[in-house]
Amino acid sequence: IFLKNLKKIKDMNVKTVLCGHRALVPDVNERIDELLAHHDRR
């Protein structure tokens, strides 16, 4: 479910991401790809 809801964000034309912890995300699509790759490796 998480992976599905992660992929759908790419179609939302997000420009500013305000997340709950750490530094804000500068490029949402790039970060989504990194998270997807992380879970593929795991």
Full PDB file with SEQRES, HELIX, SHEET, SSBOND, CRYST1, ORIGX, SCALE, CONECT and MASTER records, all heavy atoms in Angstrom:
SEQRES   1 A   42  ILE PHE LEU LYS ASN LEU LYS LYS ILE LYS ASP MET ASN          
SEQRES   2 A   42  VAL LYS THR VAL LEU CYS GLY HIS ARG ALA LEU VAL PRO          
SEQRES   3 A   42  ASP VAL ASN GLU ARG ILE ASP GLU LEU LEU ALA HIS HIS          
SEQRES   4 A   42  ASP ARG ARG                                                  
HELIX    1 AA1 PHE A    2  LYS A    7  1                                   6    
HELIX    2 AA2 LYS A    8  ASP A   11  5                                   4    
HELIX    3 AA3 VAL A   28  ARG A   41  1                                  14    
CRYST1    1.000    1.000    1.000  90.00  90.00  90.00 P 1           1          
ORIGX1      1.000000  0.000000  0.000000        0.00000                         
ORIGX2      0.000000  1.000000  0.000000        0.00000                         
ORIGX3      0.000000  0.000000  1.000000        0.00000                         
SCALE1      1.000000  0.000000  0.000000        0.00000                         
SCALE2      0.000000  1.000000  0.000000        0.00000                         
SCALE3      0.000000  0.000000  1.000000        0.00000                         
ATOM      1  N   ILE A   1       0.843  -1.202   0.000  1.00  0.00           N  
ATOM      2  CA  ILE A   1       0.000   0.000   0.000  1.00  0.00           C  
ATOM      3  C   ILE A   1       0.877   1.251   0.000  1.00  0.00           C  
ATOM      4  O   ILE A   1       0.618   2.218  -0.727  1.00  0.00           O  
ATOM      5  CB  ILE A   1      -0.933   0.001   1.214  1.00  0.00           C  
ATOM      6  CG1 ILE A   1      -1.986  -1.109   1.073  1.00  0.00           C  
ATOM      7  CG2 ILE A   1      -1.618   1.356   1.385  1.00  0.00           C  
ATOM      8  CD1 ILE A   1      -2.796  -1.344   2.329  1.00  0.00           C  
ATOM      9  N   PHE A   2       1.919   1.241   0.808  1.00  0.00           N  
ATOM     10  CA  PHE A   2       2.831   2.389   0.868  1.00  0.00           C  
ATOM     11  C   PHE A   2       3.462   2.659  -0.492  1.00  0.00           C  
ATOM     12  O   PHE A   2       3.501   3.811  -0.958  1.00  0.00           O  
ATOM     13  CB  PHE A   2       3.922   2.141   1.907  1.00  0.00           C  
ATOM     14  CG  PHE A   2       5.047   3.140   1.861  1.00  0.00           C  
ATOM     15  CD1 PHE A   2       4.883   4.421   2.361  1.00  0.00           C  
ATOM     16  CD2 PHE A   2       6.276   2.797   1.309  1.00  0.00           C  
ATOM     17  CE1 PHE A   2       5.914   5.350   2.303  1.00  0.00           C  
ATOM     18  CE2 PHE A   2       7.312   3.714   1.245  1.00  0.00           C  
ATOM     19  CZ  PHE A   2       7.133   4.994   1.747  1.00  0.00           C  
ATOM     20  N   LEU A   3       3.962   1.607  -1.145  1.00  0.00           N  
ATOM     21  CA  LEU A   3       4.614   1.781  -2.440  1.00  0.00           C  
ATOM     22  C   LEU A   3       3.640   2.321  -3.484  1.00  0.00           C  
ATOM     23  O   LEU A   3       3.988   3.193  -4.286  1.00  0.00           O  
ATOM     24  CB  LEU A   3       5.213   0.446  -2.904  1.00  0.00           C  
ATOM     25  CG  LEU A   3       6.330  -0.122  -2.017  1.00  0.00           C  
ATOM     26  CD1 LEU A   3       6.729  -1.505  -2.497  1.00  0.00           C  
ATOM     27  CD2 LEU A   3       7.534   0.812  -1.979  1.00  0.00           C  
ATOM     28  N   LYS A   4       2.421   1.828  -3.463  1.00  0.00           N  
ATOM     29  CA  LYS A   4       1.401   2.321  -4.388  1.00  0.00           C  
ATOM     30  C   LYS A   4       1.102   3.793  -4.138  1.00  0.00           C  
ATOM     31  O   LYS A   4       1.012   4.604  -5.081  1.00  0.00           O  
ATOM     32  CB  LYS A   4       0.129   1.495  -4.243  1.00  0.00           C  
ATOM     33  CG  LYS A   4      -1.006   1.912  -5.169  1.00  0.00           C  
ATOM     34  CD  LYS A   4      -2.242   1.042  -4.965  1.00  0.00           C  
ATOM     35  CE  LYS A   4      -3.387   1.490  -5.859  1.00  0.00           C  
ATOM     36  NZ  LYS A   4      -4.602   0.649  -5.649  1.00  0.00           N  
ATOM     37  N   ASN A   5       0.956   4.168  -2.877  1.00  0.00           N  
ATOM     38  CA  ASN A   5       0.655   5.565  -2.543  1.00  0.00           C  
ATOM     39  C   ASN A   5       1.858   6.477  -2.734  1.00  0.00           C  
ATOM     40  O   ASN A   5       1.702   7.703  -2.830  1.00  0.00           O  
ATOM     41  CB  ASN A   5       0.134   5.659  -1.112  1.00  0.00           C  
ATOM     42  CG  ASN A   5      -1.339   5.317  -1.013  1.00  0.00           C  
ATOM     43  OD1 ASN A   5      -2.075   5.455  -1.991  1.00  0.00           O  
ATOM     44  ND2 ASN A   5      -1.777   4.876   0.153  1.00  0.00           N  
ATOM     45  N   LEU A   6       3.046   5.897  -2.776  1.00  0.00           N  
ATOM     46  CA  LEU A   6       4.241   6.672  -3.074  1.00  0.00           C  
ATOM     47  C   LEU A   6       4.285   7.012  -4.565  1.00  0.00           C  
ATOM     48  O   LEU A   6       4.528   8.164  -4.955  1.00  0.00           O  
ATOM     49  CB  LEU A   6       5.479   5.872  -2.667  1.00  0.00           C  
ATOM     50  CG  LEU A   6       6.811   6.594  -2.523  1.00  0.00           C  
ATOM     51  CD1 LEU A   6       6.717   7.723  -1.520  1.00  0.00           C  
ATOM     52  CD2 LEU A   6       7.896   5.607  -2.124  1.00  0.00           C  
ATOM     53  N   LYS A   7       4.022   6.015  -5.394  1.00  0.00           N  
ATOM     54  CA  LYS A   7       4.097   6.213  -6.845  1.00  0.00           C  
ATOM     55  C   LYS A   7       3.067   7.224  -7.337  1.00  0.00           C  
ATOM     56  O   LYS A   7       3.334   7.976  -8.278  1.00  0.00           O  
ATOM     57  CB  LYS A   7       3.903   4.872  -7.554  1.00  0.00           C  
ATOM     58  CG  LYS A   7       5.032   3.882  -7.321  1.00  0.00           C  
ATOM     59  CD  LYS A   7       4.696   2.507  -7.906  1.00  0.00           C  
ATOM     60  CE  LYS A   7       5.792   1.500  -7.583  1.00  0.00           C  
ATOM     61  NZ  LYS A   7       5.418   0.132  -8.069  1.00  0.00           N  
ATOM     62  N   LYS A   8       1.892   7.254  -6.714  1.00  0.00           N  
ATOM     63  CA  LYS A   8       0.840   8.138  -7.212  1.00  0.00           C  
ATOM     64  C   LYS A   8       1.181   9.620  -7.033  1.00  0.00           C  
ATOM     65  O   LYS A   8       0.631  10.482  -7.717  1.00  0.00           O  
ATOM     66  CB  LYS A   8      -0.493   7.831  -6.530  1.00  0.00           C  
ATOM     67  CG  LYS A   8      -0.647   8.379  -5.123  1.00  0.00           C  
ATOM     68  CD  LYS A   8      -2.006   8.043  -4.536  1.00  0.00           C  
ATOM     69  CE  LYS A   8      -2.207   8.687  -3.172  1.00  0.00           C  
ATOM     70  NZ  LYS A   8      -3.496   8.265  -2.557  1.00  0.00           N  
ATOM     71  N   ILE A   9       2.102   9.942  -6.114  1.00  0.00           N  
ATOM     72  CA  ILE A   9       2.473  11.334  -5.874  1.00  0.00           C  
ATOM     73  C   ILE A   9       3.121  11.940  -7.116  1.00  0.00           C  
ATOM     74  O   ILE A   9       3.029  13.140  -7.355  1.00  0.00           O  
ATOM     75  CB  ILE A   9       3.418  11.450  -4.657  1.00  0.00           C  
ATOM     76  CG1 ILE A   9       2.800  10.773  -3.416  1.00  0.00           C  
ATOM     77  CG2 ILE A   9       3.750  12.904  -4.356  1.00  0.00           C  
ATOM     78  CD1 ILE A   9       1.445  11.300  -3.038  1.00  0.00           C  
ATOM     79  N   LYS A  10       3.751  11.095  -7.929  1.00  0.00           N  
ATOM     80  CA  LYS A  10       4.418  11.596  -9.128  1.00  0.00           C  
ATOM     81  C   LYS A  10       3.450  12.266 -10.097  1.00  0.00           C  
ATOM     82  O   LYS A  10       3.861  13.078 -10.918  1.00  0.00           O  
ATOM     83  CB  LYS A  10       5.156  10.460  -9.825  1.00  0.00           C  
ATOM     84  CG  LYS A  10       6.462  10.059  -9.172  1.00  0.00           C  
ATOM     85  CD  LYS A  10       7.286   9.195 -10.101  1.00  0.00           C  
ATOM     86  CE  LYS A  10       8.709   9.042  -9.613  1.00  0.00           C  
ATOM     87  NZ  LYS A  10       9.570   8.374 -10.610  1.00  0.00           N  
ATOM     88  N   ASP A  11       2.187  11.913 -10.038  1.00  0.00           N  
ATOM     89  CA  ASP A  11       1.195  12.460 -10.965  1.00  0.00           C  
ATOM     90  C   ASP A  11       0.476  13.685 -10.411  1.00  0.00           C  
ATOM     91  O   ASP A  11      -0.472  14.173 -11.021  1.00  0.00           O  
ATOM     92  CB  ASP A  11       0.155  11.387 -11.313  1.00  0.00           C  
ATOM     93  CG  ASP A  11       0.772  10.175 -12.002  1.00  0.00           C  
ATOM     94  OD1 ASP A  11       1.713  10.370 -12.796  1.00  0.00           O  
ATOM     95  OD2 ASP A  11       0.317   9.040 -11.733  1.00  0.00           O  
ATOM     96  N   MET A  12       0.908  14.193  -9.263  1.00  0.00           N  
ATOM     97  CA  MET A  12       0.175  15.266  -8.593  1.00  0.00           C  
ATOM     98  C   MET A  12       0.730  16.667  -8.856  1.00  0.00           C  
ATOM     99  O   MET A  12       0.192  17.643  -8.360  1.00  0.00           O  
ATOM    100  CB  MET A  12       0.134  14.998  -7.081  1.00  0.00           C  
ATOM    101  CG  MET A  12      -0.780  13.859  -6.698  1.00  0.00           C  
ATOM    102  SD  MET A  12      -0.664  13.345  -4.936  1.00  0.00           S  
ATOM    103  CE  MET A  12      -0.739  14.897  -4.069  1.00  0.00           C  
ATOM    104  N   ASN A  13       1.821  16.776  -9.570  1.00  0.00           N  
ATOM    105  CA  ASN A  13       2.428  18.084  -9.849  1.00  0.00           C  
ATOM    106  C   ASN A  13       2.767  18.829  -8.553  1.00  0.00           C  
ATOM    107  O   ASN A  13       2.442  20.011  -8.375  1.00  0.00           O  
ATOM    108  CB  ASN A  13       1.507  18.941 -10.724  1.00  0.00           C  
ATOM    109  CG  ASN A  13       2.223  20.145 -11.331  1.00  0.00           C  
ATOM    110  OD1 ASN A  13       3.435  20.120 -11.537  1.00  0.00           O  
ATOM    111  ND2 ASN A  13       1.484  21.202 -11.607  1.00  0.00           N  
ATOM    112  N   VAL A  14       3.442  18.110  -7.663  1.00  0.00           N  
ATOM    113  CA  VAL A  14       3.860  18.690  -6.391  1.00  0.00           C  
ATOM    114  C   VAL A  14       5.050  19.623  -6.619  1.00  0.00           C  
ATOM    115  O   VAL A  14       6.012  19.262  -7.306  1.00  0.00           O  
ATOM    116  CB  VAL A  14       4.241  17.573  -5.395  1.00  0.00           C  
ATOM    117  CG1 VAL A  14       4.890  18.160  -4.144  1.00  0.00           C  
ATOM    118  CG2 VAL A  14       3.014  16.757  -5.027  1.00  0.00           C  
ATOM    119  N   LYS A  15       4.994  20.799  -6.014  1.00  0.00           N  
ATOM    120  CA  LYS A  15       6.079  21.770  -6.140  1.00  0.00           C  
ATOM    121  C   LYS A  15       6.804  22.003  -4.817  1.00  0.00           C  
ATOM    122  O   LYS A  15       7.997  22.309  -4.806  1.00  0.00           O  
ATOM    123  CB  LYS A  15       5.521  23.090  -6.672  1.00  0.00           C  
ATOM    124  CG  LYS A  15       4.936  22.973  -8.077  1.00  0.00           C  
ATOM    125  CD  LYS A  15       4.322  24.287  -8.531  1.00  0.00           C  
ATOM    126  CE  LYS A  15       3.685  24.143  -9.913  1.00  0.00           C  
ATOM    127  NZ  LYS A  15       3.000  25.396 -10.341  1.00  0.00           N  
ATOM    128  N   THR A  16       6.095  21.899  -3.710  1.00  0.00           N  
ATOM    129  CA  THR A  16       6.690  22.111  -2.389  1.00  0.00           C  
ATOM    130  C   THR A  16       6.265  20.977  -1.470  1.00  0.00           C  
ATOM    131  O   THR A  16       5.073  20.735  -1.302  1.00  0.00           O  
ATOM    132  CB  THR A  16       6.234  23.455  -1.779  1.00  0.00           C  
ATOM    133  OG1 THR A  16       6.574  24.516  -2.670  1.00  0.00           O  
ATOM    134  CG2 THR A  16       6.905  23.687  -0.432  1.00  0.00           C  
ATOM    135  N   VAL A  17       7.238  20.267  -0.900  1.00  0.00           N  
ATOM    136  CA  VAL A  17       6.957  19.143  -0.005  1.00  0.00           C  
ATOM    137  C   VAL A  17       7.280  19.553   1.427  1.00  0.00           C  
ATOM    138  O   VAL A  17       8.407  19.947   1.723  1.00  0.00           O  
ATOM    139  CB  VAL A  17       7.786  17.894  -0.376  1.00  0.00           C  
ATOM    140  CG1 VAL A  17       7.407  16.721   0.515  1.00  0.00           C  
ATOM    141  CG2 VAL A  17       7.594  17.531  -1.833  1.00  0.00           C  
ATOM    142  N   LEU A  18       6.305  19.460   2.298  1.00  0.00           N  
ATOM    143  CA  LEU A  18       6.484  19.764   3.711  1.00  0.00           C  
ATOM    144  C   LEU A  18       6.327  18.469   4.492  1.00  0.00           C  
ATOM    145  O   LEU A  18       5.228  17.953   4.653  1.00  0.00           O  
ATOM    146  CB  LEU A  18       5.462  20.812   4.157  1.00  0.00           C  
ATOM    147  CG  LEU A  18       5.468  22.118   3.336  1.00  0.00           C  
ATOM    148  CD1 LEU A  18       4.416  23.090   3.866  1.00  0.00           C  
ATOM    149  CD2 LEU A  18       6.848  22.771   3.331  1.00  0.00           C  
ATOM    150  N   CYS A  19       7.455  17.925   4.946  1.00  0.00           N  
ATOM    151  CA  CYS A  19       7.468  16.604   5.585  1.00  0.00           C  
ATOM    152  C   CYS A  19       7.683  16.723   7.086  1.00  0.00           C  
ATOM    153  O   CYS A  19       8.116  17.755   7.600  1.00  0.00           O  
ATOM    154  CB  CYS A  19       8.534  15.710   4.959  1.00  0.00           C  
ATOM    155  SG  CYS A  19      10.162  16.482   4.816  1.00  0.00           S  
ATOM    156  N   GLY A  20       7.407  15.632   7.795  1.00  0.00           N  
ATOM    157  CA  GLY A  20       7.336  15.658   9.250  1.00  0.00           C  
ATOM    158  C   GLY A  20       8.655  15.704  10.001  1.00  0.00           C  
ATOM    159  O   GLY A  20       8.679  16.076  11.166  1.00  0.00           O  
ATOM    160  N   HIS A  21       9.759  15.329   9.335  1.00  0.00           N  
ATOM    161  CA  HIS A  21      11.051  15.281  10.026  1.00  0.00           C  
ATOM    162  C   HIS A  21      12.178  15.629   9.057  1.00  0.00           C  
ATOM    163  O   HIS A  21      12.029  15.495   7.844  1.00  0.00           O  
ATOM    164  CB  HIS A  21      11.316  13.890  10.604  1.00  0.00           C  
ATOM    165  CG  HIS A  21      10.275  13.407  11.551  1.00  0.00           C  
ATOM    166  ND1 HIS A  21      10.171  13.859  12.855  1.00  0.00           N  
ATOM    167  CD2 HIS A  21       9.262  12.516  11.374  1.00  0.00           C  
ATOM    168  CE1 HIS A  21       9.145  13.258  13.436  1.00  0.00           C  
ATOM    169  NE2 HIS A  21       8.588  12.440  12.565  1.00  0.00           N  
ATOM    170  N   ARG A  22      13.287  16.004   9.635  1.00  0.00           N  
ATOM    171  CA  ARG A  22      14.512  16.295   8.913  1.00  0.00           C  
ATOM    172  C   ARG A  22      14.329  17.450   7.927  1.00  0.00           C  
ATOM    173  O   ARG A  22      13.339  18.163   7.958  1.00  0.00           O  
ATOM    174  CB  ARG A  22      15.042  15.030   8.215  1.00  0.00           C  
ATOM    175  CG  ARG A  22      15.243  13.839   9.160  1.00  0.00           C  
ATOM    176  CD  ARG A  22      16.345  14.094  10.193  1.00  0.00           C  
ATOM    177  NE  ARG A  22      16.473  13.031  11.159  1.00  0.00           N  
ATOM    178  CZ  ARG A  22      17.314  11.992  11.041  1.00  0.00           C  
ATOM    179  NH1 ARG A  22      18.056  11.876   9.964  1.00  0.00           N  
ATOM    180  NH2 ARG A  22      17.394  11.087  12.000  1.00  0.00           N  
ATOM    181  N   ALA A  23      15.312  17.620   7.044  1.00  0.00           N  
ATOM    182  CA  ALA A  23      15.264  18.702   6.068  1.00  0.00           C  
ATOM    183  C   ALA A  23      14.135  18.455   5.074  1.00  0.00           C  
ATOM    184  O   ALA A  23      13.738  17.307   4.824  1.00  0.00           O  
ATOM    185  CB  ALA A  23      16.599  18.795   5.334  1.00  0.00           C  
ATOM    186  N   LEU A  24      13.615  19.539   4.511  1.00  0.00           N  
ATOM    187  CA  LEU A  24      12.549  19.400   3.532  1.00  0.00           C  
ATOM    188  C   LEU A  24      13.094  18.776   2.246  1.00  0.00           C  
ATOM    189  O   LEU A  24      14.288  18.858   1.947  1.00  0.00           O  
ATOM    190  CB  LEU A  24      11.915  20.760   3.256  1.00  0.00           C  
ATOM    191  CG  LEU A  24      11.299  21.458   4.473  1.00  0.00           C  
ATOM    192  CD1 LEU A  24      10.591  22.739   4.058  1.00  0.00           C  
ATOM    193  CD2 LEU A  24      10.324  20.530   5.212  1.00  0.00           C  
ATOM    194  N   VAL A  25      12.211  18.183   1.481  1.00  0.00           N  
ATOM    195  CA  VAL A  25      12.583  17.448   0.271  1.00  0.00           C  
ATOM    196  C   VAL A  25      12.625  18.419  -0.911  1.00  0.00           C  
ATOM    197  O   VAL A  25      11.595  18.997  -1.279  1.00  0.00           O  
ATOM    198  CB  VAL A  25      11.580  16.316  -0.014  1.00  0.00           C  
ATOM    199  CG1 VAL A  25      11.908  15.620  -1.329  1.00  0.00           C  
ATOM    200  CG2 VAL A  25      11.572  15.315   1.142  1.00  0.00           C  
ATOM    201  N   PRO A  26      13.802  18.612  -1.555  1.00  0.00           N  
ATOM    202  CA  PRO A  26      13.884  19.586  -2.648  1.00  0.00           C  
ATOM    203  C   PRO A  26      13.276  19.102  -3.962  1.00  0.00           C  
ATOM    204  O   PRO A  26      12.750  19.896  -4.739  1.00  0.00           O  
ATOM    205  CB  PRO A  26      15.399  19.833  -2.792  1.00  0.00           C  
ATOM    206  CG  PRO A  26      16.032  18.582  -2.265  1.00  0.00           C  
ATOM    207  CD  PRO A  26      15.122  18.073  -1.182  1.00  0.00           C  
ATOM    208  N   ASP A  27      13.369  17.798  -4.242  1.00  0.00           N  
ATOM    209  CA  ASP A  27      12.864  17.232  -5.499  1.00  0.00           C  
ATOM    210  C   ASP A  27      12.056  15.985  -5.173  1.00  0.00           C  
ATOM    211  O   ASP A  27      12.611  14.929  -4.892  1.00  0.00           O  
ATOM    212  CB  ASP A  27      14.032  16.892  -6.433  1.00  0.00           C  
ATOM    213  CG  ASP A  27      13.586  16.442  -7.820  1.00  0.00           C  
ATOM    214  OD1 ASP A  27      12.550  15.766  -7.922  1.00  0.00           O  
ATOM    215  OD2 ASP A  27      14.281  16.764  -8.806  1.00  0.00           O  
ATOM    216  N   VAL A  28      10.727  16.103  -5.204  1.00  0.00           N  
ATOM    217  CA  VAL A  28       9.883  15.015  -4.728  1.00  0.00           C  
ATOM    218  C   VAL A  28      10.003  13.773  -5.600  1.00  0.00           C  
ATOM    219  O   VAL A  28      10.062  12.646  -5.088  1.00  0.00           O  
ATOM    220  CB  VAL A  28       8.405  15.475  -4.620  1.00  0.00           C  
ATOM    221  CG1 VAL A  28       7.824  15.806  -5.986  1.00  0.00           C  
ATOM    222  CG2 VAL A  28       7.563  14.412  -3.922  1.00  0.00           C  
ATOM    223  N   ASN A  29      10.064  13.924  -6.924  1.00  0.00           N  
ATOM    224  CA  ASN A  29      10.137  12.751  -7.798  1.00  0.00           C  
ATOM    225  C   ASN A  29      11.455  12.017  -7.647  1.00  0.00           C  
ATOM    226  O   ASN A  29      11.498  10.777  -7.660  1.00  0.00           O  
ATOM    227  CB  ASN A  29       9.918  13.156  -9.255  1.00  0.00           C  
ATOM    228  CG  ASN A  29       8.475  13.527  -9.540  1.00  0.00           C  
ATOM    229  OD1 ASN A  29       7.580  13.235  -8.750  1.00  0.00           O  
ATOM    230  ND2 ASN A  29       8.231  14.190 -10.660  1.00  0.00           N  
ATOM    231  N   GLU A  30      12.524  12.770  -7.468  1.00  0.00           N  
ATOM    232  CA  GLU A  30      13.823  12.143  -7.240  1.00  0.00           C  
ATOM    233  C   GLU A  30      13.822  11.373  -5.924  1.00  0.00           C  
ATOM    234  O   GLU A  30      14.328  10.245  -5.851  1.00  0.00           O  
ATOM    235  CB  GLU A  30      14.926  13.203  -7.220  1.00  0.00           C  
ATOM    236  CG  GLU A  30      16.315  12.637  -6.981  1.00  0.00           C  
ATOM    237  CD  GLU A  30      17.390  13.711  -6.932  1.00  0.00           C  
ATOM    238  OE1 GLU A  30      17.046  14.906  -7.049  1.00  0.00           O  
ATOM    239  OE2 GLU A  30      18.575  13.358  -6.774  1.00  0.00           O  
ATOM    240  N   ARG A  31      13.226  11.957  -4.902  1.00  0.00           N  
ATOM    241  CA  ARG A  31      13.194  11.278  -3.607  1.00  0.00           C  
ATOM    242  C   ARG A  31      12.297  10.036  -3.657  1.00  0.00           C  
ATOM    243  O   ARG A  31      12.630   9.005  -3.046  1.00  0.00           O  
ATOM    244  CB  ARG A  31      12.688  12.246  -2.522  1.00  0.00           C  
ATOM    245  CG  ARG A  31      12.724  11.651  -1.116  1.00  0.00           C  
ATOM    246  CD  ARG A  31      14.107  11.170  -0.750  1.00  0.00           C  
ATOM    247  NE  ARG A  31      14.155  10.527   0.561  1.00  0.00           N  
ATOM    248  CZ  ARG A  31      15.035   9.584   0.901  1.00  0.00           C  
ATOM    249  NH1 ARG A  31      15.952   9.190   0.016  1.00  0.00           N  
ATOM    250  NH2 ARG A  31      15.016   9.061   2.113  1.00  0.00           N  
ATOM    251  N   ILE A  32      11.193  10.098  -4.384  1.00  0.00           N  
ATOM    252  CA  ILE A  32      10.333   8.928  -4.538  1.00  0.00           C  
ATOM    253  C   ILE A  32      11.108   7.791  -5.198  1.00  0.00           C  
ATOM    254  O   ILE A  32      11.037   6.630  -4.765  1.00  0.00           O  
ATOM    255  CB  ILE A  32       9.073   9.284  -5.345  1.00  0.00           C  
ATOM    256  CG1 ILE A  32       8.135  10.152  -4.500  1.00  0.00           C  
ATOM    257  CG2 ILE A  32       8.345   8.018  -5.808  1.00  0.00           C  
ATOM    258  CD1 ILE A  32       6.969  10.734  -5.269  1.00  0.00           C  
ATOM    259  N   ASP A  33      11.871   8.103  -6.238  1.00  0.00           N  
ATOM    260  CA  ASP A  33      12.668   7.073  -6.914  1.00  0.00           C  
ATOM    261  C   ASP A  33      13.688   6.461  -5.961  1.00  0.00           C  
ATOM    262  O   ASP A  33      13.933   5.244  -5.986  1.00  0.00           O  
ATOM    263  CB  ASP A  33      13.381   7.669  -8.126  1.00  0.00           C  
ATOM    264  CG  ASP A  33      12.435   7.960  -9.287  1.00  0.00           C  
ATOM    265  OD1 ASP A  33      11.331   7.364  -9.314  1.00  0.00           O  
ATOM    266  OD2 ASP A  33      12.796   8.779 -10.160  1.00  0.00           O  
ATOM    267  N   GLU A  34      14.278   7.296  -5.107  1.00  0.00           N  
ATOM    268  CA  GLU A  34      15.255   6.782  -4.139  1.00  0.00           C  
ATOM    269  C   GLU A  34      14.589   5.837  -3.144  1.00  0.00           C  
ATOM    270  O   GLU A  34      15.147   4.776  -2.794  1.00  0.00           O  
ATOM    271  CB  GLU A  34      15.901   7.944  -3.397  1.00  0.00           C  
ATOM    272  CG  GLU A  34      16.827   8.794  -4.250  1.00  0.00           C  
ATOM    273  CD  GLU A  34      17.297  10.056  -3.552  1.00  0.00           C  
ATOM    274  OE1 GLU A  34      16.769  10.372  -2.463  1.00  0.00           O  
ATOM    275  OE2 GLU A  34      18.182  10.735  -4.096  1.00  0.00           O  
ATOM    276  N   LEU A  35      13.388   6.195  -2.683  1.00  0.00           N  
ATOM    277  CA  LEU A  35      12.681   5.342  -1.723  1.00  0.00           C  
ATOM    278  C   LEU A  35      12.234   4.034  -2.361  1.00  0.00           C  
ATOM    279  O   LEU A  35      12.327   2.960  -1.739  1.00  0.00           O  
ATOM    280  CB  LEU A  35      11.475   6.100  -1.149  1.00  0.00           C  
ATOM    281  CG  LEU A  35      11.820   7.245  -0.190  1.00  0.00           C  
ATOM    282  CD1 LEU A  35      10.574   8.073   0.116  1.00  0.00           C  
ATOM    283  CD2 LEU A  35      12.445   6.725   1.099  1.00  0.00           C  
ATOM    284  N   LEU A  36      11.770   4.087  -3.595  1.00  0.00           N  
ATOM    285  CA  LEU A  36      11.374   2.860  -4.296  1.00  0.00           C  
ATOM    286  C   LEU A  36      12.568   1.933  -4.484  1.00  0.00           C  
ATOM    287  O   LEU A  36      12.461   0.710  -4.277  1.00  0.00           O  
ATOM    288  CB  LEU A  36      10.744   3.207  -5.648  1.00  0.00           C  
ATOM    289  CG  LEU A  36       9.396   3.937  -5.610  1.00  0.00           C  
ATOM    290  CD1 LEU A  36       8.999   4.380  -7.008  1.00  0.00           C  
ATOM    291  CD2 LEU A  36       8.314   3.036  -5.013  1.00  0.00           C  
ATOM    292  N   ALA A  37      13.704   2.513  -4.857  1.00  0.00           N  
ATOM    293  CA  ALA A  37      14.919   1.710  -5.041  1.00  0.00           C  
ATOM    294  C   ALA A  37      15.371   1.106  -3.715  1.00  0.00           C  
ATOM    295  O   ALA A  37      15.822  -0.047  -3.667  1.00  0.00           O  
ATOM    296  CB  ALA A  37      16.029   2.577  -5.639  1.00  0.00           C  
ATOM    297  N   HIS A  38      15.237   1.873  -2.638  1.00  0.00           N  
ATOM    298  CA  HIS A  38      15.600   1.363  -1.303  1.00  0.00           C  
ATOM    299  C   HIS A  38      14.798   0.113  -0.962  1.00  0.00           C  
ATOM    300  O   HIS A  38      15.357  -0.893  -0.503  1.00  0.00           O  
ATOM    301  CB  HIS A  38      15.363   2.440  -0.249  1.00  0.00           C  
ATOM    302  CG  HIS A  38      15.278   1.926   1.151  1.00  0.00           C  
ATOM    303  ND1 HIS A  38      16.376   1.526   1.884  1.00  0.00           N  
ATOM    304  CD2 HIS A  38      14.193   1.714   1.958  1.00  0.00           C  
ATOM    305  CE1 HIS A  38      15.995   1.098   3.070  1.00  0.00           C  
ATOM    306  NE2 HIS A  38      14.682   1.208   3.148  1.00  0.00           N  
ATOM    307  N   HIS A  39      13.493   0.163  -1.187  1.00  0.00           N  
ATOM    308  CA  HIS A  39      12.665  -0.997  -0.838  1.00  0.00           C  
ATOM    309  C   HIS A  39      12.894  -2.170  -1.790  1.00  0.00           C  
ATOM    310  O   HIS A  39      12.802  -3.333  -1.360  1.00  0.00           O  
ATOM    311  CB  HIS A  39      11.193  -0.585  -0.787  1.00  0.00           C  
ATOM    312  CG  HIS A  39      10.871   0.251   0.420  1.00  0.00           C  
ATOM    313  ND1 HIS A  39      10.820  -0.270   1.694  1.00  0.00           N  
ATOM    314  CD2 HIS A  39      10.623   1.581   0.550  1.00  0.00           C  
ATOM    315  CE1 HIS A  39      10.542   0.686   2.562  1.00  0.00           C  
ATOM    316  NE2 HIS A  39      10.420   1.816   1.893  1.00  0.00           N  
ATOM    317  N   ASP A  40      13.218  -1.898  -3.031  1.00  0.00           N  
ATOM    318  CA  ASP A  40      13.584  -2.988  -3.946  1.00  0.00           C  
ATOM    319  C   ASP A  40      14.831  -3.708  -3.428  1.00  0.00           C  
ATOM    320  O   ASP A  40      14.895  -4.947  -3.428  1.00  0.00           O  
ATOM    321  CB  ASP A  40      13.852  -2.437  -5.352  1.00  0.00           C  
ATOM    322  CG  ASP A  40      12.576  -2.117  -6.108  1.00  0.00           C  
ATOM    323  OD1 ASP A  40      11.494  -2.598  -5.693  1.00  0.00           O  
ATOM    324  OD2 ASP A  40      12.658  -1.392  -7.125  1.00  0.00           O  
ATOM    325  N   ARG A  41      15.816  -2.938  -2.991  1.00  0.00           N  
ATOM    326  CA  ARG A  41      17.038  -3.545  -2.443  1.00  0.00           C  
ATOM    327  C   ARG A  41      16.747  -4.319  -1.170  1.00  0.00           C  
ATOM    328  O   ARG A  41      17.275  -5.425  -0.967  1.00  0.00           O  
ATOM    329  CB  ARG A  41      18.091  -2.460  -2.171  1.00  0.00           C  
ATOM    330  CG  ARG A  41      18.667  -1.807  -3.408  1.00  0.00           C  
ATOM    331  CD  ARG A  41      19.892  -0.968  -3.068  1.00  0.00           C  
ATOM    332  NE  ARG A  41      19.582   0.107  -2.137  1.00  0.00           N  
ATOM    333  CZ  ARG A  41      19.200   1.323  -2.505  1.00  0.00           C  
ATOM    334  NH1 ARG A  41      19.062   1.619  -3.792  1.00  0.00           N  
ATOM    335  NH2 ARG A  41      18.956   2.253  -1.594  1.00  0.00           N  
ATOM    336  N   ARG A  42      15.909  -3.756  -0.309  1.00  0.00           N  
ATOM    337  CA  ARG A  42      15.589  -4.419   0.956  1.00  0.00           C  
ATOM    338  C   ARG A  42      14.864  -5.746   0.698  1.00  0.00           C  
ATOM    339  O   ARG A  42      15.151  -6.770   1.341  1.00  0.00           O  
ATOM    340  CB  ARG A  42      14.741  -3.478   1.821  1.00  0.00           C  
ATOM    341  CG  ARG A  42      14.230  -4.034   3.139  1.00  0.00           C  
ATOM    342  CD  ARG A  42      15.308  -4.424   4.119  1.00  0.00           C  
ATOM    343  NE  ARG A  42      16.302  -3.401   4.355  1.00  0.00           N  
ATOM    344  CZ  ARG A  42      16.154  -2.374   5.192  1.00  0.00           C  
ATOM    345  NH1 ARG A  42      15.022  -2.200   5.838  1.00  0.00           N  
ATOM    346  NH2 ARG A  42      17.133  -1.502   5.368  1.00  0.00           N  
TER     347      ARG A  42                                                      
MASTER        0    0    0    3    0    0    0    6  346    1    0    4          
END                                                                             
